[in-house]
N, C-alpha and C. Protein backbone atom coordinates (compact mmCIF):
# COMPACT_ATOMS: atom_id res chain seq x y z
N MET A 1 -49.70 -160.48 -59.96
CA MET A 1 -50.53 -159.46 -59.32
C MET A 1 -51.57 -158.95 -60.31
N ASN A 2 -52.82 -158.94 -59.90
CA ASN A 2 -53.92 -158.50 -60.75
C ASN A 2 -54.22 -157.03 -60.49
N ILE A 3 -53.83 -156.17 -61.43
CA ILE A 3 -54.05 -154.72 -61.29
C ILE A 3 -55.07 -154.29 -62.33
N ASN A 4 -56.10 -153.60 -61.89
CA ASN A 4 -57.17 -153.17 -62.79
C ASN A 4 -56.86 -151.81 -63.38
N PHE A 5 -56.13 -151.79 -64.50
CA PHE A 5 -55.77 -150.53 -65.15
C PHE A 5 -56.95 -149.92 -65.92
N SER A 6 -58.03 -150.68 -66.10
CA SER A 6 -59.19 -150.18 -66.86
C SER A 6 -60.14 -149.37 -65.99
N LYS A 7 -59.86 -149.28 -64.70
CA LYS A 7 -60.76 -148.57 -63.78
C LYS A 7 -60.83 -147.08 -64.12
N TYR A 8 -59.68 -146.52 -64.57
CA TYR A 8 -59.63 -145.09 -64.88
C TYR A 8 -59.46 -144.89 -66.38
N ALA A 9 -59.98 -143.78 -66.88
CA ALA A 9 -60.03 -143.54 -68.32
C ALA A 9 -58.64 -143.48 -68.96
N ASP A 10 -57.63 -142.99 -68.23
CA ASP A 10 -56.30 -142.87 -68.81
C ASP A 10 -55.47 -144.15 -68.68
N GLY A 11 -56.05 -145.19 -68.06
CA GLY A 11 -55.34 -146.45 -67.95
C GLY A 11 -54.23 -146.46 -66.92
N LEU A 12 -54.23 -145.48 -66.03
CA LEU A 12 -53.21 -145.37 -64.99
C LEU A 12 -53.82 -145.63 -63.62
N VAL A 13 -53.02 -146.15 -62.71
CA VAL A 13 -53.47 -146.33 -61.34
C VAL A 13 -52.56 -145.53 -60.41
N PRO A 14 -53.11 -144.98 -59.33
CA PRO A 14 -52.26 -144.24 -58.38
C PRO A 14 -51.34 -145.19 -57.63
N ALA A 15 -50.12 -144.72 -57.39
CA ALA A 15 -49.13 -145.52 -56.66
C ALA A 15 -48.59 -144.68 -55.50
N ILE A 16 -48.88 -145.11 -54.29
CA ILE A 16 -48.39 -144.43 -53.09
C ILE A 16 -47.03 -145.02 -52.72
N ILE A 17 -46.04 -144.16 -52.55
CA ILE A 17 -44.69 -144.62 -52.22
C ILE A 17 -44.43 -144.39 -50.74
N GLN A 18 -44.01 -145.45 -50.05
CA GLN A 18 -43.77 -145.40 -48.61
C GLN A 18 -42.33 -145.83 -48.32
N ASP A 19 -41.69 -145.10 -47.41
CA ASP A 19 -40.34 -145.47 -47.00
C ASP A 19 -40.38 -146.85 -46.32
N ALA A 20 -39.61 -147.79 -46.84
CA ALA A 20 -39.65 -149.16 -46.33
C ALA A 20 -39.15 -149.25 -44.89
N THR A 21 -38.33 -148.30 -44.47
CA THR A 21 -37.76 -148.34 -43.12
C THR A 21 -38.58 -147.54 -42.12
N THR A 22 -38.87 -146.28 -42.44
CA THR A 22 -39.56 -145.40 -41.49
C THR A 22 -41.07 -145.46 -41.62
N LYS A 23 -41.57 -146.01 -42.75
CA LYS A 23 -42.99 -146.07 -43.07
C LYS A 23 -43.59 -144.70 -43.36
N THR A 24 -42.76 -143.71 -43.59
CA THR A 24 -43.23 -142.38 -43.95
C THR A 24 -43.73 -142.40 -45.39
N VAL A 25 -44.88 -141.77 -45.64
CA VAL A 25 -45.39 -141.66 -47.00
C VAL A 25 -44.55 -140.60 -47.73
N LEU A 26 -43.97 -140.99 -48.86
CA LEU A 26 -43.01 -140.12 -49.55
C LEU A 26 -43.63 -139.32 -50.69
N MET A 27 -44.42 -139.97 -51.54
CA MET A 27 -44.96 -139.28 -52.70
C MET A 27 -46.07 -140.11 -53.33
N LEU A 28 -46.75 -139.51 -54.29
CA LEU A 28 -47.79 -140.18 -55.06
C LEU A 28 -47.46 -140.05 -56.53
N GLY A 29 -47.54 -141.15 -57.24
CA GLY A 29 -47.32 -141.13 -58.69
C GLY A 29 -48.37 -141.99 -59.36
N PHE A 30 -48.20 -142.17 -60.68
CA PHE A 30 -49.16 -142.99 -61.44
C PHE A 30 -48.41 -144.01 -62.28
N MET A 31 -49.01 -145.18 -62.43
CA MET A 31 -48.35 -146.26 -63.15
C MET A 31 -49.30 -146.92 -64.15
N ASN A 32 -48.71 -147.38 -65.26
CA ASN A 32 -49.39 -148.32 -66.13
C ASN A 32 -48.62 -149.63 -66.06
N GLN A 33 -49.01 -150.60 -66.86
CA GLN A 33 -48.34 -151.90 -66.77
C GLN A 33 -46.86 -151.79 -67.11
N ALA A 34 -46.54 -150.93 -68.09
CA ALA A 34 -45.14 -150.77 -68.49
C ALA A 34 -44.31 -150.21 -67.33
N ALA A 35 -44.89 -149.29 -66.55
CA ALA A 35 -44.18 -148.71 -65.41
C ALA A 35 -43.95 -149.76 -64.33
N VAL A 36 -44.95 -150.59 -64.10
CA VAL A 36 -44.82 -151.68 -63.13
C VAL A 36 -43.71 -152.63 -63.56
N ASP A 37 -43.74 -153.01 -64.85
CA ASP A 37 -42.73 -153.94 -65.37
C ASP A 37 -41.32 -153.35 -65.25
N ALA A 38 -41.19 -152.05 -65.55
CA ALA A 38 -39.88 -151.39 -65.47
C ALA A 38 -39.38 -151.34 -64.04
N THR A 39 -40.29 -151.08 -63.11
CA THR A 39 -39.92 -151.04 -61.69
C THR A 39 -39.40 -152.39 -61.22
N LEU A 40 -40.08 -153.44 -61.61
CA LEU A 40 -39.70 -154.79 -61.20
C LEU A 40 -38.38 -155.22 -61.85
N SER A 41 -38.15 -154.77 -63.07
CA SER A 41 -36.96 -155.23 -63.79
C SER A 41 -35.70 -154.47 -63.42
N ASN A 42 -35.82 -153.14 -63.21
CA ASN A 42 -34.61 -152.36 -62.93
C ASN A 42 -34.40 -152.04 -61.45
N GLY A 43 -35.39 -152.38 -60.60
CA GLY A 43 -35.22 -152.19 -59.17
C GLY A 43 -35.34 -150.75 -58.71
N LYS A 44 -35.75 -149.86 -59.61
CA LYS A 44 -35.97 -148.45 -59.26
C LYS A 44 -37.40 -148.08 -59.62
N VAL A 45 -38.09 -147.39 -58.70
CA VAL A 45 -39.50 -147.08 -58.91
C VAL A 45 -39.66 -146.20 -60.14
N THR A 46 -40.49 -146.66 -61.04
CA THR A 46 -40.72 -145.97 -62.32
C THR A 46 -42.20 -145.69 -62.48
N PHE A 47 -42.52 -144.47 -62.90
CA PHE A 47 -43.90 -144.06 -63.10
C PHE A 47 -44.17 -143.81 -64.58
N PHE A 48 -45.45 -143.57 -64.87
CA PHE A 48 -45.78 -143.00 -66.18
C PHE A 48 -46.06 -141.53 -65.93
N SER A 49 -45.23 -140.67 -66.51
CA SER A 49 -45.38 -139.22 -66.31
C SER A 49 -46.42 -138.68 -67.28
N ARG A 50 -47.47 -138.10 -66.73
CA ARG A 50 -48.51 -137.53 -67.59
C ARG A 50 -48.05 -136.24 -68.26
N SER A 51 -47.14 -135.51 -67.60
CA SER A 51 -46.63 -134.28 -68.20
C SER A 51 -45.63 -134.56 -69.30
N LYS A 52 -44.80 -135.60 -69.12
CA LYS A 52 -43.80 -135.97 -70.13
C LYS A 52 -44.36 -136.94 -71.16
N ASN A 53 -45.49 -137.58 -70.80
CA ASN A 53 -46.15 -138.56 -71.66
C ASN A 53 -45.22 -139.73 -71.99
N ARG A 54 -44.51 -140.21 -70.95
CA ARG A 54 -43.59 -141.33 -71.12
C ARG A 54 -43.28 -141.94 -69.76
N LEU A 55 -42.61 -143.10 -69.79
CA LEU A 55 -42.13 -143.67 -68.54
C LEU A 55 -41.07 -142.76 -67.93
N TRP A 56 -41.11 -142.65 -66.62
CA TRP A 56 -40.17 -141.76 -65.92
C TRP A 56 -39.70 -142.45 -64.64
N THR A 57 -38.41 -142.73 -64.58
CA THR A 57 -37.83 -143.32 -63.37
C THR A 57 -37.48 -142.20 -62.41
N LYS A 58 -38.06 -142.24 -61.20
CA LYS A 58 -37.78 -141.22 -60.20
C LYS A 58 -36.28 -141.17 -59.94
N GLY A 59 -35.68 -139.99 -60.12
CA GLY A 59 -34.26 -139.81 -59.88
C GLY A 59 -33.40 -139.90 -61.13
N GLU A 60 -34.03 -140.08 -62.29
CA GLU A 60 -33.23 -140.24 -63.51
C GLU A 60 -32.42 -138.99 -63.85
N GLU A 61 -32.86 -137.84 -63.35
CA GLU A 61 -32.11 -136.60 -63.56
C GLU A 61 -31.37 -136.17 -62.29
N SER A 62 -32.00 -136.29 -61.15
CA SER A 62 -31.40 -135.82 -59.89
C SER A 62 -30.48 -136.85 -59.23
N GLY A 63 -30.67 -138.11 -59.56
CA GLY A 63 -29.93 -139.16 -58.89
C GLY A 63 -30.58 -139.61 -57.59
N ASN A 64 -31.70 -138.99 -57.23
CA ASN A 64 -32.42 -139.34 -55.99
C ASN A 64 -33.43 -140.45 -56.29
N PHE A 65 -32.92 -141.65 -56.51
CA PHE A 65 -33.77 -142.77 -56.88
C PHE A 65 -34.57 -143.29 -55.70
N LEU A 66 -35.59 -144.07 -56.03
CA LEU A 66 -36.35 -144.82 -55.04
C LEU A 66 -36.07 -146.29 -55.31
N GLU A 67 -35.29 -146.91 -54.43
CA GLU A 67 -34.93 -148.31 -54.61
C GLU A 67 -36.11 -149.19 -54.21
N TYR A 68 -36.60 -149.95 -55.19
CA TYR A 68 -37.81 -150.75 -55.01
C TYR A 68 -37.60 -151.90 -54.02
N ILE A 69 -38.57 -152.07 -53.10
CA ILE A 69 -38.54 -153.16 -52.13
C ILE A 69 -39.71 -154.12 -52.34
N SER A 70 -40.93 -153.58 -52.38
CA SER A 70 -42.10 -154.45 -52.53
C SER A 70 -43.28 -153.66 -53.08
N MET A 71 -44.30 -154.39 -53.53
CA MET A 71 -45.48 -153.77 -54.12
C MET A 71 -46.72 -154.55 -53.72
N ALA A 72 -47.80 -153.83 -53.40
CA ALA A 72 -49.06 -154.48 -53.06
C ALA A 72 -50.20 -153.65 -53.64
N ASN A 73 -51.25 -154.32 -54.09
CA ASN A 73 -52.43 -153.58 -54.55
C ASN A 73 -53.51 -153.63 -53.48
N ASP A 74 -54.49 -152.74 -53.62
CA ASP A 74 -55.54 -152.65 -52.60
C ASP A 74 -56.65 -153.65 -52.88
N CYS A 75 -57.70 -153.59 -52.07
CA CYS A 75 -58.78 -154.58 -52.16
C CYS A 75 -59.55 -154.50 -53.48
N ASP A 76 -59.53 -153.33 -54.15
CA ASP A 76 -60.21 -153.18 -55.43
C ASP A 76 -59.28 -153.36 -56.62
N ASN A 77 -58.02 -153.64 -56.34
CA ASN A 77 -57.01 -153.84 -57.39
C ASN A 77 -56.82 -152.63 -58.30
N ASP A 78 -57.07 -151.43 -57.75
CA ASP A 78 -56.96 -150.24 -58.60
C ASP A 78 -56.05 -149.16 -58.02
N SER A 79 -55.24 -149.51 -57.04
CA SER A 79 -54.22 -148.60 -56.52
C SER A 79 -53.11 -149.45 -55.90
N LEU A 80 -51.91 -148.85 -55.85
CA LEU A 80 -50.74 -149.59 -55.41
C LEU A 80 -50.08 -148.94 -54.20
N LEU A 81 -49.52 -149.75 -53.34
CA LEU A 81 -48.68 -149.28 -52.24
C LEU A 81 -47.30 -149.88 -52.46
N ILE A 82 -46.31 -149.02 -52.65
CA ILE A 82 -44.95 -149.47 -52.96
C ILE A 82 -44.02 -149.09 -51.83
N GLN A 83 -43.30 -150.08 -51.32
CA GLN A 83 -42.28 -149.85 -50.31
C GLN A 83 -40.95 -149.63 -51.03
N ALA A 84 -40.23 -148.57 -50.64
CA ALA A 84 -38.97 -148.25 -51.31
C ALA A 84 -38.00 -147.61 -50.32
N ASN A 85 -36.74 -147.67 -50.67
CA ASN A 85 -35.70 -146.97 -49.91
C ASN A 85 -35.27 -145.74 -50.69
N PRO A 86 -35.52 -144.53 -50.18
CA PRO A 86 -35.15 -143.32 -50.92
C PRO A 86 -33.66 -143.07 -50.88
N VAL A 87 -33.12 -142.66 -52.00
CA VAL A 87 -31.71 -142.27 -52.08
C VAL A 87 -31.69 -140.75 -52.25
N GLY A 88 -31.61 -140.03 -51.14
CA GLY A 88 -31.67 -138.57 -51.18
C GLY A 88 -33.09 -138.07 -51.04
N PRO A 89 -33.27 -136.74 -51.07
CA PRO A 89 -34.61 -136.14 -50.95
C PRO A 89 -35.54 -136.64 -52.05
N VAL A 90 -36.81 -136.81 -51.71
CA VAL A 90 -37.78 -137.31 -52.67
C VAL A 90 -38.41 -136.18 -53.47
N CYS A 91 -38.77 -135.09 -52.80
CA CYS A 91 -39.45 -133.99 -53.48
C CYS A 91 -38.47 -133.14 -54.28
N HIS A 92 -38.95 -132.58 -55.40
CA HIS A 92 -38.09 -131.73 -56.24
C HIS A 92 -37.71 -130.43 -55.53
N THR A 93 -38.41 -130.13 -54.42
CA THR A 93 -38.10 -128.91 -53.67
C THR A 93 -36.91 -129.11 -52.74
N GLY A 94 -36.49 -130.37 -52.56
CA GLY A 94 -35.41 -130.66 -51.64
C GLY A 94 -35.87 -131.25 -50.33
N ALA A 95 -37.19 -131.37 -50.17
CA ALA A 95 -37.73 -131.97 -48.94
C ALA A 95 -37.65 -133.48 -49.01
N ALA A 96 -37.68 -134.12 -47.86
CA ALA A 96 -37.58 -135.57 -47.80
C ALA A 96 -38.83 -136.24 -48.33
N THR A 97 -39.98 -135.55 -48.25
CA THR A 97 -41.23 -136.07 -48.80
C THR A 97 -41.93 -134.95 -49.55
N CYS A 98 -42.94 -135.31 -50.32
CA CYS A 98 -43.70 -134.29 -51.06
C CYS A 98 -44.67 -133.54 -50.17
N TRP A 99 -44.68 -133.86 -48.89
CA TRP A 99 -45.47 -133.13 -47.91
C TRP A 99 -44.58 -132.44 -46.89
N GLY A 100 -43.32 -132.21 -47.27
CA GLY A 100 -42.36 -131.58 -46.37
C GLY A 100 -42.80 -130.17 -45.99
N ALA A 101 -42.72 -129.89 -44.69
CA ALA A 101 -43.11 -128.57 -44.21
C ALA A 101 -42.20 -127.50 -44.77
N GLU A 102 -42.78 -126.47 -45.38
CA GLU A 102 -42.06 -125.34 -45.94
C GLU A 102 -40.96 -125.78 -46.90
N ASN A 103 -41.23 -126.93 -47.57
CA ASN A 103 -40.32 -127.46 -48.58
C ASN A 103 -38.95 -127.83 -48.03
N LYS A 104 -38.80 -127.90 -46.72
CA LYS A 104 -37.53 -128.29 -46.09
C LYS A 104 -37.83 -129.17 -44.89
N MET A 105 -36.80 -129.75 -44.32
CA MET A 105 -36.98 -130.56 -43.14
C MET A 105 -37.07 -129.65 -41.92
N THR A 106 -38.27 -129.06 -41.71
CA THR A 106 -38.41 -128.09 -40.63
C THR A 106 -39.44 -128.54 -39.60
N SER A 107 -39.63 -129.84 -39.46
CA SER A 107 -40.53 -130.34 -38.44
C SER A 107 -39.97 -129.99 -37.07
N ASN A 108 -40.85 -130.00 -36.07
CA ASN A 108 -40.44 -129.68 -34.71
C ASN A 108 -39.61 -130.83 -34.16
N LEU A 109 -38.28 -130.68 -34.16
CA LEU A 109 -37.41 -131.76 -33.75
C LEU A 109 -37.51 -132.05 -32.26
N ALA A 110 -38.00 -131.10 -31.50
CA ALA A 110 -38.11 -131.31 -30.06
C ALA A 110 -39.31 -132.19 -29.72
N ASN A 111 -40.28 -132.29 -30.63
CA ASN A 111 -41.48 -133.08 -30.39
C ASN A 111 -41.80 -133.95 -31.59
N PRO A 112 -40.93 -134.87 -31.95
CA PRO A 112 -41.18 -135.71 -33.10
C PRO A 112 -42.35 -136.64 -32.85
N THR A 113 -43.21 -136.83 -33.86
CA THR A 113 -44.35 -137.72 -33.71
C THR A 113 -43.96 -139.15 -34.00
N ASN A 114 -42.84 -139.36 -34.66
CA ASN A 114 -42.37 -140.69 -34.99
C ASN A 114 -40.87 -140.71 -34.82
N HIS A 115 -40.37 -141.56 -33.93
CA HIS A 115 -38.94 -141.54 -33.62
C HIS A 115 -38.09 -141.94 -34.82
N LEU A 116 -38.56 -142.90 -35.62
CA LEU A 116 -37.81 -143.28 -36.81
C LEU A 116 -37.79 -142.14 -37.82
N ASP A 117 -38.92 -141.43 -37.93
CA ASP A 117 -38.97 -140.30 -38.83
C ASP A 117 -38.01 -139.21 -38.38
N PHE A 118 -37.86 -139.04 -37.06
CA PHE A 118 -36.93 -138.05 -36.54
C PHE A 118 -35.50 -138.39 -36.93
N LEU A 119 -35.13 -139.67 -36.85
CA LEU A 119 -33.78 -140.07 -37.25
C LEU A 119 -33.55 -139.78 -38.73
N ASN A 120 -34.59 -139.97 -39.53
CA ASN A 120 -34.49 -139.65 -40.95
C ASN A 120 -34.27 -138.16 -41.15
N GLN A 121 -34.99 -137.35 -40.38
CA GLN A 121 -34.81 -135.90 -40.44
C GLN A 121 -33.40 -135.51 -40.01
N LEU A 122 -32.93 -136.15 -38.95
CA LEU A 122 -31.60 -135.84 -38.44
C LEU A 122 -30.53 -136.16 -39.49
N GLU A 123 -30.70 -137.26 -40.19
CA GLU A 123 -29.76 -137.61 -41.25
C GLU A 123 -29.77 -136.57 -42.36
N GLN A 124 -30.94 -136.06 -42.67
CA GLN A 124 -31.04 -135.01 -43.69
C GLN A 124 -30.31 -133.75 -43.25
N ILE A 125 -30.44 -133.41 -41.98
CA ILE A 125 -29.77 -132.21 -41.45
C ILE A 125 -28.25 -132.40 -41.49
N ILE A 126 -27.79 -133.58 -41.11
CA ILE A 126 -26.35 -133.87 -41.16
C ILE A 126 -25.84 -133.76 -42.60
N ALA A 127 -26.61 -134.27 -43.54
CA ALA A 127 -26.21 -134.20 -44.95
C ALA A 127 -26.13 -132.76 -45.43
N GLU A 128 -27.08 -131.93 -44.99
CA GLU A 128 -27.08 -130.53 -45.39
C GLU A 128 -25.88 -129.78 -44.81
N ARG A 129 -25.49 -130.12 -43.59
CA ARG A 129 -24.39 -129.41 -42.92
C ARG A 129 -23.02 -129.94 -43.32
N LYS A 130 -23.01 -131.02 -44.08
CA LYS A 130 -21.75 -131.64 -44.49
C LYS A 130 -20.87 -130.67 -45.26
N THR A 131 -21.49 -129.81 -46.06
CA THR A 131 -20.73 -128.87 -46.89
C THR A 131 -20.82 -127.44 -46.37
N ALA A 132 -21.30 -127.28 -45.15
CA ALA A 132 -21.43 -125.94 -44.58
C ALA A 132 -20.06 -125.41 -44.15
N ASP A 133 -20.03 -124.16 -43.75
CA ASP A 133 -18.79 -123.54 -43.27
C ASP A 133 -18.40 -124.20 -41.94
N PRO A 134 -17.22 -124.79 -41.85
CA PRO A 134 -16.79 -125.46 -40.61
C PRO A 134 -16.84 -124.55 -39.39
N ALA A 135 -16.70 -123.25 -39.61
CA ALA A 135 -16.72 -122.31 -38.49
C ALA A 135 -18.13 -122.10 -37.94
N SER A 136 -19.12 -122.48 -38.72
CA SER A 136 -20.50 -122.22 -38.32
C SER A 136 -21.25 -123.46 -37.87
N SER A 137 -20.63 -124.63 -38.00
CA SER A 137 -21.33 -125.87 -37.70
C SER A 137 -20.37 -126.91 -37.13
N TYR A 138 -20.76 -127.50 -36.00
CA TYR A 138 -19.95 -128.57 -35.40
C TYR A 138 -19.85 -129.76 -36.34
N VAL A 139 -20.98 -130.11 -36.96
CA VAL A 139 -20.99 -131.24 -37.91
C VAL A 139 -20.06 -130.97 -39.07
N ALA A 140 -20.14 -129.77 -39.64
CA ALA A 140 -19.27 -129.41 -40.76
C ALA A 140 -17.81 -129.43 -40.35
N SER A 141 -17.52 -129.02 -39.12
CA SER A 141 -16.12 -129.02 -38.66
C SER A 141 -15.58 -130.44 -38.56
N LEU A 142 -16.43 -131.39 -38.17
CA LEU A 142 -15.99 -132.78 -38.11
C LEU A 142 -15.71 -133.33 -39.51
N PHE A 143 -16.60 -133.04 -40.45
CA PHE A 143 -16.39 -133.49 -41.82
C PHE A 143 -15.10 -132.88 -42.39
N ALA A 144 -14.84 -131.63 -42.03
CA ALA A 144 -13.65 -130.96 -42.55
C ALA A 144 -12.37 -131.61 -42.02
N LYS A 145 -12.44 -132.20 -40.83
CA LYS A 145 -11.26 -132.83 -40.23
C LYS A 145 -11.00 -134.23 -40.78
N GLY A 146 -12.00 -134.80 -41.47
CA GLY A 146 -11.78 -136.07 -42.14
C GLY A 146 -12.25 -137.29 -41.37
N ILE A 147 -12.19 -138.44 -42.05
CA ILE A 147 -12.72 -139.69 -41.53
C ILE A 147 -12.02 -140.13 -40.26
N ASN A 148 -10.71 -139.91 -40.16
CA ASN A 148 -9.98 -140.36 -38.96
C ASN A 148 -10.50 -139.68 -37.70
N LYS A 149 -10.74 -138.37 -37.79
CA LYS A 149 -11.25 -137.63 -36.64
C LYS A 149 -12.67 -138.07 -36.29
N ILE A 150 -13.49 -138.30 -37.32
CA ILE A 150 -14.87 -138.74 -37.08
C ILE A 150 -14.88 -140.10 -36.40
N ALA A 151 -14.07 -141.04 -36.92
CA ALA A 151 -14.00 -142.37 -36.34
C ALA A 151 -13.48 -142.32 -34.90
N GLN A 152 -12.49 -141.45 -34.66
CA GLN A 152 -11.96 -141.28 -33.31
C GLN A 152 -13.04 -140.79 -32.37
N LYS A 153 -13.85 -139.85 -32.84
CA LYS A 153 -14.92 -139.29 -32.01
C LYS A 153 -15.95 -140.36 -31.65
N VAL A 154 -16.27 -141.23 -32.61
CA VAL A 154 -17.21 -142.32 -32.35
C VAL A 154 -16.63 -143.25 -31.27
N GLY A 155 -15.33 -143.53 -31.37
CA GLY A 155 -14.67 -144.36 -30.37
C GLY A 155 -14.72 -143.75 -28.98
N GLU A 156 -14.48 -142.45 -28.91
CA GLU A 156 -14.50 -141.75 -27.63
C GLU A 156 -15.90 -141.80 -27.01
N GLU A 157 -16.92 -141.57 -27.85
CA GLU A 157 -18.29 -141.60 -27.34
C GLU A 157 -18.68 -142.99 -26.89
N ALA A 158 -18.17 -144.02 -27.58
CA ALA A 158 -18.48 -145.40 -27.20
C ALA A 158 -17.88 -145.72 -25.82
N VAL A 159 -16.66 -145.26 -25.59
CA VAL A 159 -16.00 -145.49 -24.30
C VAL A 159 -16.77 -144.79 -23.18
N GLU A 160 -17.20 -143.55 -23.44
CA GLU A 160 -17.95 -142.79 -22.43
C GLU A 160 -19.28 -143.47 -22.12
N LEU A 161 -19.89 -144.06 -23.13
CA LEU A 161 -21.15 -144.77 -22.90
C LEU A 161 -20.92 -146.01 -22.03
N VAL A 162 -19.86 -146.74 -22.30
CA VAL A 162 -19.53 -147.92 -21.50
C VAL A 162 -19.31 -147.53 -20.04
N ILE A 163 -18.61 -146.42 -19.83
CA ILE A 163 -18.34 -145.97 -18.46
C ILE A 163 -19.64 -145.63 -17.73
N GLU A 164 -20.53 -144.90 -18.43
CA GLU A 164 -21.80 -144.50 -17.81
C GLU A 164 -22.71 -145.70 -17.56
N SER A 165 -22.57 -146.74 -18.39
CA SER A 165 -23.44 -147.92 -18.22
C SER A 165 -23.14 -148.65 -16.92
N LYS A 166 -21.96 -148.42 -16.34
CA LYS A 166 -21.57 -149.08 -15.10
C LYS A 166 -22.09 -148.35 -13.87
N ASP A 167 -22.61 -147.12 -14.06
CA ASP A 167 -23.16 -146.36 -12.95
C ASP A 167 -24.68 -146.41 -12.99
N ASN A 168 -25.30 -145.69 -12.08
CA ASN A 168 -26.76 -145.73 -11.98
C ASN A 168 -27.43 -144.41 -12.37
N ASN A 169 -26.68 -143.53 -13.02
CA ASN A 169 -27.25 -142.26 -13.45
C ASN A 169 -27.89 -142.46 -14.82
N GLU A 170 -29.21 -142.63 -14.83
CA GLU A 170 -29.92 -142.95 -16.08
C GLU A 170 -29.83 -141.82 -17.10
N GLN A 171 -29.89 -140.57 -16.61
CA GLN A 171 -29.86 -139.45 -17.55
C GLN A 171 -28.52 -139.36 -18.26
N LEU A 172 -27.42 -139.54 -17.51
CA LEU A 172 -26.10 -139.50 -18.14
C LEU A 172 -25.93 -140.65 -19.13
N PHE A 173 -26.48 -141.81 -18.78
CA PHE A 173 -26.42 -142.96 -19.69
C PHE A 173 -27.15 -142.65 -20.99
N LEU A 174 -28.33 -142.06 -20.88
CA LEU A 174 -29.10 -141.72 -22.09
C LEU A 174 -28.41 -140.62 -22.89
N ASP A 175 -27.84 -139.64 -22.19
CA ASP A 175 -27.12 -138.56 -22.87
C ASP A 175 -25.95 -139.12 -23.69
N GLU A 176 -25.19 -140.02 -23.07
CA GLU A 176 -24.05 -140.61 -23.78
C GLU A 176 -24.51 -141.50 -24.92
N SER A 177 -25.65 -142.16 -24.74
CA SER A 177 -26.22 -142.98 -25.81
C SER A 177 -26.57 -142.12 -27.01
N ALA A 178 -27.18 -140.96 -26.73
CA ALA A 178 -27.55 -140.03 -27.80
C ALA A 178 -26.31 -139.49 -28.51
N ASP A 179 -25.26 -139.17 -27.73
CA ASP A 179 -24.02 -138.67 -28.32
C ASP A 179 -23.40 -139.71 -29.26
N LEU A 180 -23.40 -140.97 -28.82
CA LEU A 180 -22.83 -142.03 -29.65
C LEU A 180 -23.62 -142.22 -30.94
N LEU A 181 -24.95 -142.24 -30.83
CA LEU A 181 -25.78 -142.43 -32.02
C LEU A 181 -25.60 -141.26 -32.99
N PHE A 182 -25.55 -140.05 -32.46
CA PHE A 182 -25.38 -138.86 -33.31
C PHE A 182 -24.07 -138.94 -34.09
N HIS A 183 -22.99 -139.26 -33.41
CA HIS A 183 -21.70 -139.31 -34.09
C HIS A 183 -21.61 -140.52 -35.02
N TYR A 184 -22.32 -141.60 -34.70
CA TYR A 184 -22.36 -142.74 -35.59
C TYR A 184 -23.06 -142.37 -36.90
N LEU A 185 -24.12 -141.57 -36.81
CA LEU A 185 -24.81 -141.11 -38.02
C LEU A 185 -23.87 -140.26 -38.89
N ILE A 186 -23.04 -139.46 -38.24
CA ILE A 186 -22.06 -138.66 -38.98
C ILE A 186 -21.05 -139.58 -39.67
N LEU A 187 -20.60 -140.62 -38.95
CA LEU A 187 -19.65 -141.57 -39.53
C LEU A 187 -20.26 -142.28 -40.74
N LEU A 188 -21.52 -142.68 -40.62
CA LEU A 188 -22.20 -143.32 -41.76
C LEU A 188 -22.22 -142.39 -42.97
N GLN A 189 -22.56 -141.12 -42.74
CA GLN A 189 -22.61 -140.14 -43.83
C GLN A 189 -21.23 -140.00 -44.47
N SER A 190 -20.19 -139.99 -43.66
CA SER A 190 -18.84 -139.81 -44.19
C SER A 190 -18.43 -140.99 -45.06
N LYS A 191 -19.02 -142.16 -44.81
CA LYS A 191 -18.73 -143.35 -45.60
C LYS A 191 -19.70 -143.54 -46.76
N GLY A 192 -20.65 -142.59 -46.89
CA GLY A 192 -21.60 -142.65 -47.99
C GLY A 192 -22.81 -143.53 -47.72
N TYR A 193 -23.11 -143.79 -46.45
CA TYR A 193 -24.24 -144.65 -46.10
C TYR A 193 -25.22 -143.92 -45.19
N GLN A 194 -26.39 -144.56 -45.01
CA GLN A 194 -27.39 -144.07 -44.08
C GLN A 194 -27.80 -145.19 -43.15
N LEU A 195 -28.55 -144.84 -42.11
CA LEU A 195 -28.99 -145.83 -41.14
C LEU A 195 -29.82 -146.93 -41.82
N ALA A 196 -30.55 -146.56 -42.86
CA ALA A 196 -31.36 -147.55 -43.59
C ALA A 196 -30.52 -148.67 -44.15
N ASP A 197 -29.28 -148.37 -44.54
CA ASP A 197 -28.39 -149.41 -45.07
C ASP A 197 -28.03 -150.43 -43.99
N VAL A 198 -27.85 -149.95 -42.77
CA VAL A 198 -27.55 -150.84 -41.65
C VAL A 198 -28.78 -151.67 -41.29
N VAL A 199 -29.95 -151.02 -41.29
CA VAL A 199 -31.20 -151.73 -41.00
C VAL A 199 -31.43 -152.83 -42.03
N LYS A 200 -31.07 -152.55 -43.28
CA LYS A 200 -31.24 -153.54 -44.35
C LYS A 200 -30.39 -154.78 -44.06
N VAL A 201 -29.18 -154.59 -43.58
CA VAL A 201 -28.32 -155.71 -43.23
C VAL A 201 -28.92 -156.52 -42.08
N LEU A 202 -29.42 -155.81 -41.06
CA LEU A 202 -30.05 -156.50 -39.92
C LEU A 202 -31.26 -157.29 -40.36
N ALA A 203 -32.06 -156.71 -41.27
CA ALA A 203 -33.25 -157.39 -41.75
C ALA A 203 -32.88 -158.65 -42.52
N GLN A 204 -31.83 -158.57 -43.31
CA GLN A 204 -31.37 -159.75 -44.07
C GLN A 204 -30.89 -160.84 -43.13
N ARG A 205 -30.20 -160.45 -42.05
CA ARG A 205 -29.75 -161.44 -41.07
C ARG A 205 -30.93 -162.10 -40.37
N HIS A 206 -31.97 -161.29 -40.10
CA HIS A 206 -33.15 -161.81 -39.43
C HIS A 206 -33.84 -162.85 -40.31
N LYS A 207 -33.90 -162.59 -41.60
CA LYS A 207 -34.53 -163.54 -42.53
C LYS A 207 -33.75 -164.84 -42.58
N GLY A 208 -32.41 -164.71 -42.41
CA GLY A 208 -31.57 -165.88 -42.46
C GLY A 208 -31.76 -166.76 -41.24
């Protein structure tokens, strides 16, 4: 890949980070050749930090890494677009992106502009409620009851969906579909995974 690091006086090029699954723009950083090489070698997006004056791997302190997927430069070879899978919130404020509304996941969930982005937001909300008071949150109460109860609930919702699929009530079918997906997301969280991990498996099968 031919990257023109001489275009700017500091020898750095801007790198836009995009969620490989949802295509949401996550953050902007800067890279030199050493940062590019480190990203390719360790599989985690690494920048050159102008404030620290050194290479900086996103998540090296918080654990919220950006797992590298792919890299492309633009038509002038002076900026990069990097596809990555985020592990936890990207912004230091706790938001999923550096453009998170009010530094939290507070987008209008009733009118999502991107359905995949909404699922990402929903996963963030589930993660936040995981450690909440069980008396104040249905999600927290499920986590408090443990994996067996969560798995049982997914099974129950799956059976209800199968039953509704045999009838002609479209709204009930969609409602049960939503219930199953919601509880499946909770099950994934309880096992330490996200929907992106499942999508990754499907994508690998598709390539095969």
